[in-house]
C-alpha cells in the first residue's frame, strides 16, 4: 500500500471520487485476476456499480504491474508460459489448437522472484523465437540465464544431451544436468503458482491487456513470496 500511495494511486483528483478506499480497490483487482470473474459479477460483492469496478481495475491495473529491475550479476532462469487468449490479433493457434500467447518469464534463481516478463508473442512461435521477439533477451542483458532444451542456439545455458551414436553422457555432464534440473524446477514452481490466477487460464482482455495482466500477476506473486 505504501508503494502504491507513493506512485500516486490514492492521490486526490478532480471529478468523481472513488467509491472504495485504496485497500478495497486493490482487493477488487486481486479478486478480478484470481477468479477471472467479470466486473459485472464482482461489483455487487463490493457494493459498487459495474462502471466503478471497471474504473478501479483500469486505474490500478498498470500501477500493480511488475516494474523493471536493475540488472545484477546473479543467475536467472527462464521459461515459456502459454496463456489461452481470446483476442486473435495478439494470439495464434498453438500445439493444442487453442488460441494462445507465449510469455517469457525470467526469475531470480536464488529468490524465485520474477524479474522480467517479455511481451506476448503468438502461441505458434517456439520458445527460441519468443525469447528474442518478446524483449526478454534484451531485459536480462549479459546475465547468465538457465533454460530448458527448447532454447538451443540462443546462448542460454541448456542441459547437455547425447550425441548421435553416444550411449550415455560422461559423468561430469550428468552432474551438470542434475544441478540444471534443480534450478529449472524453480521456474516450474513459479508457473504452478501463477496458474492459480484464473485470469491466465482464459484471458478475455484485448490488446495489451494480457501483457498488463501478466505483469500484475507477476508482481502480486513477488509480493506474496517476499512477504
C-alpha atoms as a PDB file:
ATOM      1  CA  UNK A   1       0.000   0.000   0.000  1.00  0.00           C
ATOM      2  CA  UNK A   2       2.856   2.354   0.815  1.00  0.00           C
ATOM      3  CA  UNK A   3       4.409   1.800  -2.617  1.00  0.00           C
ATOM      4  CA  UNK A   4       1.089   2.376  -4.386  1.00  0.00           C
ATOM      5  CA  UNK A   5       0.450   5.595  -2.480  1.00  0.00           C
ATOM      6  CA  UNK A   6       3.960   6.748  -3.334  1.00  0.00           C
ATOM      7  CA  UNK A   7       3.145   6.134  -7.008  1.00  0.00           C
ATOM      8  CA  UNK A   8       0.019   8.288  -6.749  1.00  0.00           C
ATOM      9  CA  UNK A   9      -2.641   5.580  -6.606  1.00  0.00           C
ATOM     10  CA  UNK A  10      -4.565   7.398  -3.861  1.00  0.00           C
ATOM     11  CA  UNK A  11      -3.903  10.992  -4.904  1.00  0.00           C
ATOM     12  CA  UNK A  12      -6.761  13.485  -4.761  1.00  0.00           C
ATOM     13  CA  UNK A  13      -8.105  14.050  -8.257  1.00  0.00           C
ATOM     14  CA  UNK A  14     -10.724  16.169  -9.932  1.00  0.00           C
ATOM     15  CA  UNK A  15     -14.122  14.721 -10.716  1.00  0.00           C
ATOM     16  CA  UNK A  16     -15.990  11.854  -9.122  1.00  0.00           C
ATOM     17  CA  UNK A  17     -14.292  10.431  -6.004  1.00  0.00           C
ATOM     18  CA  UNK A  18     -13.531   6.732  -5.718  1.00  0.00           C
ATOM     19  CA  UNK A  19     -16.362   4.590  -4.372  1.00  0.00           C
ATOM     20  CA  UNK A  20     -13.939   2.436  -2.368  1.00  0.00           C
ATOM     21  CA  UNK A  21     -10.798   3.115  -0.306  1.00  0.00           C
ATOM     22  CA  UNK A  22      -7.476   2.114  -1.863  1.00  0.00           C
ATOM     23  CA  UNK A  23      -7.244  -1.127   0.129  1.00  0.00           C
ATOM     24  CA  UNK A  24     -10.612  -2.337  -1.182  1.00  0.00           C
ATOM     25  CA  UNK A  25      -9.760  -1.334  -4.745  1.00  0.00           C
ATOM     26  CA  UNK A  26      -6.551  -3.370  -4.594  1.00  0.00           C
ATOM     27  CA  UNK A  27      -8.576  -6.295  -3.241  1.00  0.00           C
ATOM     28  CA  UNK A  28     -11.014  -5.848  -6.139  1.00  0.00           C
ATOM     29  CA  UNK A  29      -8.200  -6.033  -8.712  1.00  0.00           C
ATOM     30  CA  UNK A  30      -6.681  -9.074  -6.982  1.00  0.00           C
ATOM     31  CA  UNK A  31     -10.075 -10.820  -6.919  1.00  0.00           C
ATOM     32  CA  UNK A  32     -10.605  -9.987 -10.596  1.00  0.00           C
ATOM     33  CA  UNK A  33      -7.314 -11.624 -11.556  1.00  0.00           C
ATOM     34  CA  UNK A  34      -7.598 -14.536  -9.151  1.00  0.00           C
ATOM     35  CA  UNK A  35     -11.155 -15.570 -10.073  1.00  0.00           C
ATOM     36  CA  UNK A  36     -11.471 -14.247 -13.665  1.00  0.00           C
ATOM     37  CA  UNK A  37     -14.970 -13.021 -12.810  1.00  0.00           C
ATOM     38  CA  UNK A  38     -16.246 -10.106 -14.876  1.00  0.00           C
ATOM     39  CA  UNK A  39     -16.571  -6.602 -13.362  1.00  0.00           C
ATOM     40  CA  UNK A  40     -20.349  -7.038 -13.573  1.00  0.00           C
ATOM     41  CA  UNK A  41     -20.101 -10.122 -11.339  1.00  0.00           C
ATOM     42  CA  UNK A  42     -17.628  -8.556  -8.894  1.00  0.00           C
ATOM     43  CA  UNK A  43     -19.335  -5.175  -8.483  1.00  0.00           C
ATOM     44  CA  UNK A  44     -22.221  -6.396  -6.231  1.00  0.00           C
ATOM     45  CA  UNK A  45     -19.721  -8.133  -3.936  1.00  0.00           C
ATOM     46  CA  UNK A  46     -18.099  -4.752  -3.212  1.00  0.00           C
ATOM     47  CA  UNK A  47     -21.333  -2.760  -3.210  1.00  0.00           C
ATOM     48  CA  UNK A  48     -20.422  -0.620  -6.227  1.00  0.00           C
ATOM     49  CA  UNK A  49     -21.571  -0.262  -9.817  1.00  0.00           C
ATOM     50  CA  UNK A  50     -20.069  -2.097 -12.784  1.00  0.00           C
ATOM     51  CA  UNK A  51     -18.659   1.190 -14.102  1.00  0.00           C
ATOM     52  CA  UNK A  52     -16.915   1.893 -10.789  1.00  0.00           C
ATOM     53  CA  UNK A  53     -15.416  -1.608 -10.828  1.00  0.00           C
ATOM     54  CA  UNK A  54     -14.212  -1.059 -14.409  1.00  0.00           C
ATOM     55  CA  UNK A  55     -12.562   2.231 -13.463  1.00  0.00           C
ATOM     56  CA  UNK A  56     -10.825   0.718 -10.435  1.00  0.00           C
ATOM     57  CA  UNK A  57      -9.435  -2.195 -12.461  1.00  0.00           C
ATOM     58  CA  UNK A  58      -8.264   0.074 -15.285  1.00  0.00           C
ATOM     59  CA  UNK A  59      -6.636   2.570 -12.899  1.00  0.00           C
ATOM     60  CA  UNK A  60      -4.823   0.135 -10.613  1.00  0.00           C
ATOM     61  CA  UNK A  61      -4.051  -2.471 -13.269  1.00  0.00           C
ATOM     62  CA  UNK A  62      -0.977  -0.629 -14.549  1.00  0.00           C
ATOM     63  CA  UNK A  63       0.156   0.553 -11.107  1.00  0.00           C
ATOM     64  CA  UNK A  64       0.176  -3.046  -9.872  1.00  0.00           C
ATOM     65  CA  UNK A  65       2.318  -4.202 -12.818  1.00  0.00           C
ATOM     66  CA  UNK A  66       5.818  -5.591 -12.317  1.00  0.00           C
ATOM     67  CA  UNK A  67       8.385  -2.802 -12.561  1.00  0.00           C
ATOM     68  CA  UNK A  68      11.675  -3.237 -14.474  1.00  0.00           C
ATOM     69  CA  UNK A  69      14.534  -4.268 -12.201  1.00  0.00           C
ATOM     70  CA  UNK A  70      18.147  -3.249 -12.426  1.00  0.00           C
ATOM     71  CA  UNK A  71      20.465  -5.856 -13.936  1.00  0.00           C
ATOM     72  CA  UNK A  72      22.504  -7.818 -11.423  1.00  0.00           C
ATOM     73  CA  UNK A  73      25.177 -10.488 -11.606  1.00  0.00           C
ATOM     74  CA  UNK A  74      23.003 -13.245 -10.138  1.00  0.00           C
ATOM     75  CA  UNK A  75      21.833 -16.269 -12.115  1.00  0.00           C
ATOM     76  CA  UNK A  76      18.471 -16.240 -13.862  1.00  0.00           C
ATOM     77  CA  UNK A  77      16.162 -19.000 -15.065  1.00  0.00           C
ATOM     78  CA  UNK A  78      13.759 -18.630 -17.983  1.00  0.00           C
ATOM     79  CA  UNK A  79      10.678 -20.458 -19.181  1.00  0.00           C
ATOM     80  CA  UNK A  80       7.788 -20.014 -21.607  1.00  0.00           C
ATOM     81  CA  UNK A  81       4.190 -19.846 -20.400  1.00  0.00           C
ATOM     82  CA  UNK A  82       1.240 -20.324 -22.758  1.00  0.00           C
ATOM     83  CA  UNK A  83      -1.851 -18.262 -21.894  1.00  0.00           C
ATOM     84  CA  UNK A  84      -5.164 -19.012 -23.679  1.00  0.00           C
ATOM     85  CA  UNK A  85      -6.152 -15.640 -25.168  1.00  0.00           C
ATOM     86  CA  UNK A  86      -9.388 -14.768 -26.955  1.00  0.00           C
ATOM     87  CA  UNK A  87      -8.035 -11.734 -28.812  1.00  0.00           C
ATOM     88  CA  UNK A  88      -6.915 -13.227 -32.134  1.00  0.00           C
ATOM     89  CA  UNK A  89      -4.976 -10.082 -33.042  1.00  0.00           C
ATOM     90  CA  UNK A  90      -2.281 -10.990 -30.484  1.00  0.00           C
ATOM     91  CA  UNK A  91      -2.819 -14.771 -30.245  1.00  0.00           C
ATOM     92  CA  UNK A  92      -2.497 -17.692 -32.617  1.00  0.00           C
ATOM     93  CA  UNK A  93      -3.183 -21.412 -32.571  1.00  0.00           C
ATOM     94  CA  UNK A  94      -0.586 -23.387 -30.641  1.00  0.00           C
ATOM     95  CA  UNK A  95       0.031 -27.141 -30.494  1.00  0.00           C
ATOM     96  CA  UNK A  96      -3.201 -27.782 -28.604  1.00  0.00           C
ATOM     97  CA  UNK A  97      -5.157 -25.848 -31.290  1.00  0.00           C
ATOM     98  CA  UNK A  98      -6.210 -23.158 -28.801  1.00  0.00           C
ATOM     99  CA  UNK A  99      -5.512 -19.513 -29.493  1.00  0.00           C
ATOM    100  CA  UNK A 100      -2.747 -18.636 -27.058  1.00  0.00           C
ATOM    101  CA  UNK A 101       0.045 -16.181 -26.388  1.00  0.00           C
ATOM    102  CA  UNK A 102       3.584 -17.138 -25.408  1.00  0.00           C
ATOM    103  CA  UNK A 103       5.016 -15.271 -22.401  1.00  0.00           C
ATOM    104  CA  UNK A 104       8.701 -15.497 -21.496  1.00  0.00           C
ATOM    105  CA  UNK A 105       9.155 -15.296 -17.719  1.00  0.00           C
ATOM    106  CA  UNK A 106      12.581 -14.794 -16.113  1.00  0.00           C
ATOM    107  CA  UNK A 107      13.068 -15.448 -12.397  1.00  0.00           C
ATOM    108  CA  UNK A 108      15.926 -14.974  -9.965  1.00  0.00           C
ATOM    109  CA  UNK A 109      17.357 -18.448  -9.420  1.00  0.00           C
ATOM    110  CA  UNK A 110      18.046 -17.768  -5.730  1.00  0.00           C
ATOM    111  CA  UNK A 111      14.966 -15.876  -4.530  1.00  0.00           C
ATOM    112  CA  UNK A 112      12.442 -17.252  -7.089  1.00  0.00           C
ATOM    113  CA  UNK A 113      11.153 -13.721  -7.637  1.00  0.00           C
ATOM    114  CA  UNK A 114      10.027 -12.793 -11.146  1.00  0.00           C
ATOM    115  CA  UNK A 115      12.467 -10.227 -12.540  1.00  0.00           C
ATOM    116  CA  UNK A 116      11.237  -9.845 -16.132  1.00  0.00           C
ATOM    117  CA  UNK A 117       8.235 -10.727 -18.277  1.00  0.00           C
ATOM    118  CA  UNK A 118       8.507 -10.464 -22.045  1.00  0.00           C
ATOM    119  CA  UNK A 119       5.787  -9.041 -24.234  1.00  0.00           C
ATOM    120  CA  UNK A 120       3.343 -11.677 -25.510  1.00  0.00           C
ATOM    121  CA  UNK A 121       4.000 -13.263 -28.885  1.00  0.00           C
ATOM    122  CA  UNK A 122       1.582 -15.510 -30.818  1.00  0.00           C
ATOM    123  CA  UNK A 123       1.316 -19.027 -29.441  1.00  0.00           C
ATOM    124  CA  UNK A 124       2.624 -20.661 -32.618  1.00  0.00           C
ATOM    125  CA  UNK A 125       6.098 -19.170 -32.032  1.00  0.00           C
ATOM    126  CA  UNK A 126       8.570 -21.543 -30.423  1.00  0.00           C
ATOM    127  CA  UNK A 127      10.490 -20.524 -27.323  1.00  0.00           C
ATOM    128  CA  UNK A 128      13.691 -19.757 -29.256  1.00  0.00           C
ATOM    129  CA  UNK A 129      11.894 -17.122 -31.322  1.00  0.00           C
ATOM    130  CA  UNK A 130       9.787 -15.869 -28.420  1.00  0.00           C
ATOM    131  CA  UNK A 131      12.900 -15.325 -26.264  1.00  0.00           C
ATOM    132  CA  UNK A 132      14.165 -12.663 -28.661  1.00  0.00           C
ATOM    133  CA  UNK A 133      10.901 -11.276 -30.067  1.00  0.00           C
ATOM    134  CA  UNK A 134       9.347 -10.715 -26.631  1.00  0.00           C
ATOM    135  CA  UNK A 135      12.184  -8.493 -25.432  1.00  0.00           C
ATOM    136  CA  UNK A 136      13.128 -10.860 -22.601  1.00  0.00           C
ATOM    137  CA  UNK A 137      16.606 -11.285 -24.074  1.00  0.00           C
ATOM    138  CA  UNK A 138      17.237  -7.549 -24.009  1.00  0.00           C
ATOM    139  CA  UNK A 139      15.836  -7.238 -20.482  1.00  0.00           C
ATOM    140  CA  UNK A 140      18.451  -9.544 -18.926  1.00  0.00           C
ATOM    141  CA  UNK A 141      21.449  -8.332 -20.932  1.00  0.00           C
ATOM    142  CA  UNK A 142      24.545 -10.464 -20.375  1.00  0.00           C
ATOM    143  CA  UNK A 143      23.301 -12.111 -17.197  1.00  0.00           C
ATOM    144  CA  UNK A 144      23.681 -15.903 -17.138  1.00  0.00           C
ATOM    145  CA  UNK A 145      20.262 -17.442 -17.833  1.00  0.00           C
ATOM    146  CA  UNK A 146      19.378 -21.122 -17.428  1.00  0.00           C
ATOM    147  CA  UNK A 147      16.707 -22.630 -19.681  1.00  0.00           C
ATOM    148  CA  UNK A 148      15.448 -25.994 -20.908  1.00  0.00           C
ATOM    149  CA  UNK A 149      16.449 -27.863 -24.056  1.00  0.00           C
ATOM    150  CA  UNK A 150      13.989 -25.900 -26.189  1.00  0.00           C
ATOM    151  CA  UNK A 151      16.333 -22.894 -26.170  1.00  0.00           C
ATOM    152  CA  UNK A 152      19.284 -24.426 -28.015  1.00  0.00           C
ATOM    153  CA  UNK A 153      21.208 -21.961 -30.134  1.00  0.00           C
ATOM    154  CA  UNK A 154      20.068 -18.914 -28.142  1.00  0.00           C
ATOM    155  CA  UNK A 155      23.160 -18.575 -25.955  1.00  0.00           C
ATOM    156  CA  UNK A 156      21.312 -19.658 -22.805  1.00  0.00           C
ATOM    157  CA  UNK A 157      22.620 -22.409 -20.535  1.00  0.00           C
ATOM    158  CA  UNK A 158      20.761 -25.579 -21.574  1.00  0.00           C
ATOM    159  CA  UNK A 159      21.220 -29.213 -20.466  1.00  0.00           C
ATOM    160  CA  UNK A 160      23.712 -31.498 -22.179  1.00  0.00           C
ATOM    161  CA  UNK A 161      22.355 -34.172 -24.489  1.00  0.00           C
ATOM    162  CA  UNK A 162      23.833 -37.268 -26.057  1.00  0.00           C
ATOM    163  CA  UNK A 163      25.389 -37.024 -29.475  1.00  0.00           C
ATOM    164  CA  UNK A 164      24.427 -39.403 -32.251  1.00  0.00           C
ATOM    165  CA  UNK A 165      25.770 -42.863 -31.503  1.00  0.00           C
ATOM    166  CA  UNK A 166      26.624 -41.974 -27.911  1.00  0.00           C
ATOM    167  CA  UNK A 167      25.224 -44.492 -25.418  1.00  0.00           C
ATOM    168  CA  UNK A 168      25.417 -42.262 -22.347  1.00  0.00           C
ATOM    169  CA  UNK A 169      26.734 -38.928 -21.172  1.00  0.00           C
ATOM    170  CA  UNK A 170      30.040 -38.565 -19.311  1.00  0.00           C
ATOM    171  CA  UNK A 171      29.703 -38.386 -15.537  1.00  0.00           C
ATOM    172  CA  UNK A 172      30.538 -34.661 -15.377  1.00  0.00           C
ATOM    173  CA  UNK A 173      27.778 -33.839 -17.862  1.00  0.00           C
ATOM    174  CA  UNK A 174      25.298 -35.907 -15.854  1.00  0.00           C
ATOM    175  CA  UNK A 175      26.263 -33.895 -12.767  1.00  0.00           C
ATOM    176  CA  UNK A 176      25.734 -30.646 -14.663  1.00  0.00           C
ATOM    177  CA  UNK A 177      22.312 -31.816 -15.839  1.00  0.00           C
ATOM    178  CA  UNK A 178      21.313 -32.798 -12.301  1.00  0.00           C
ATOM    179  CA  UNK A 179      22.130 -29.327 -10.933  1.00  0.00           C
ATOM    180  CA  UNK A 180      20.484 -27.772 -14.001  1.00  0.00           C
ATOM    181  CA  UNK A 181      17.225 -29.639 -13.297  1.00  0.00           C
ATOM    182  CA  UNK A 182      17.144 -28.368  -9.717  1.00  0.00           C
ATOM    183  CA  UNK A 183      17.346 -24.750 -10.862  1.00  0.00           C
ATOM    184  CA  UNK A 184      14.896 -25.254 -13.719  1.00  0.00           C
ATOM    185  CA  UNK A 185      12.378 -26.772 -11.302  1.00  0.00           C
ATOM    186  CA  UNK A 186      12.110 -23.387  -9.598  1.00  0.00           C
ATOM    187  CA  UNK A 187      10.708 -21.871 -12.790  1.00  0.00           C
ATOM    188  CA  UNK A 188       8.081 -24.606 -12.961  1.00  0.00           C
ATOM    189  CA  UNK A 189       7.184 -23.934  -9.322  1.00  0.00           C
ATOM    190  CA  UNK A 190       6.628 -20.262 -10.184  1.00  0.00           C
ATOM    191  CA  UNK A 191       4.431 -21.250 -13.141  1.00  0.00           C
ATOM    192  CA  UNK A 192       2.440 -23.567 -10.878  1.00  0.00           C
ATOM    193  CA  UNK A 193       1.743 -20.665  -8.504  1.00  0.00           C
ATOM    194  CA  UNK A 194       0.814 -18.338 -11.348  1.00  0.00           C
ATOM    195  CA  UNK A 195      -1.650 -20.895 -12.729  1.00  0.00           C
ATOM    196  CA  UNK A 196      -3.680 -20.310  -9.577  1.00  0.00           C
ATOM    197  CA  UNK A 197      -4.672 -16.944 -11.068  1.00  0.00           C
ATOM    198  CA  UNK A 198      -7.605 -17.953 -13.249  1.00  0.00           C
ATOM    199  CA  UNK A 199      -7.239 -14.918 -15.491  1.00  0.00           C
ATOM    200  CA  UNK A 200      -4.307 -16.760 -17.103  1.00  0.00           C
ATOM    201  CA  UNK A 201      -6.482 -19.784 -17.913  1.00  0.00           C
ATOM    202  CA  UNK A 202      -8.822 -17.915 -20.260  1.00  0.00           C
ATOM    203  CA  UNK A 203      -7.853 -14.292 -20.856  1.00  0.00           C
ATOM    204  CA  UNK A 204     -10.679 -12.162 -22.265  1.00  0.00           C
ATOM    205  CA  UNK A 205      -8.661  -8.933 -22.333  1.00  0.00           C
ATOM    206  CA  UNK A 206      -7.815  -7.267 -25.630  1.00  0.00           C
ATOM    207  CA  UNK A 207      -4.626  -5.733 -26.969  1.00  0.00           C
ATOM    208  CA  UNK A 208      -2.040  -5.092 -24.258  1.00  0.00           C
ATOM    209  CA  UNK A 209      -4.468  -6.334 -21.611  1.00  0.00           C
ATOM    210  CA  UNK A 210      -2.941  -9.815 -21.440  1.00  0.00           C
ATOM    211  CA  UNK A 211       0.548  -8.312 -21.051  1.00  0.00           C
ATOM    212  CA  UNK A 212      -0.567  -5.973 -18.264  1.00  0.00           C
ATOM    213  CA  UNK A 213      -2.342  -8.874 -16.554  1.00  0.00           C
ATOM    214  CA  UNK A 214       0.814 -10.999 -16.691  1.00  0.00           C
ATOM    215  CA  UNK A 215       2.892  -8.152 -15.249  1.00  0.00           C
ATOM    216  CA  UNK A 216       0.346  -7.570 -12.493  1.00  0.00           C
ATOM    217  CA  UNK A 217       0.162 -11.229 -11.517  1.00  0.00           C
ATOM    218  CA  UNK A 218       3.974 -11.418 -11.520  1.00  0.00           C
ATOM    219  CA  UNK A 219       4.142  -8.502  -9.071  1.00  0.00           C
ATOM    220  CA  UNK A 220       1.466  -9.983  -6.812  1.00  0.00           C
ATOM    221  CA  UNK A 221       3.393 -13.270  -6.884  1.00  0.00           C
ATOM    222  CA  UNK A 222       6.571 -11.466  -5.802  1.00  0.00           C
ATOM    223  CA  UNK A 223       4.759  -9.609  -3.021  1.00  0.00           C
ATOM    224  CA  UNK A 224       3.280 -12.856  -1.694  1.00  0.00           C
ATOM    225  CA  UNK A 225       6.664 -14.602  -1.842  1.00  0.00           C
ATOM    226  CA  UNK A 226       8.661 -11.773  -0.296  1.00  0.00           C
ATOM    227  CA  UNK A 227       6.055 -11.112   2.380  1.00  0.00           C
END
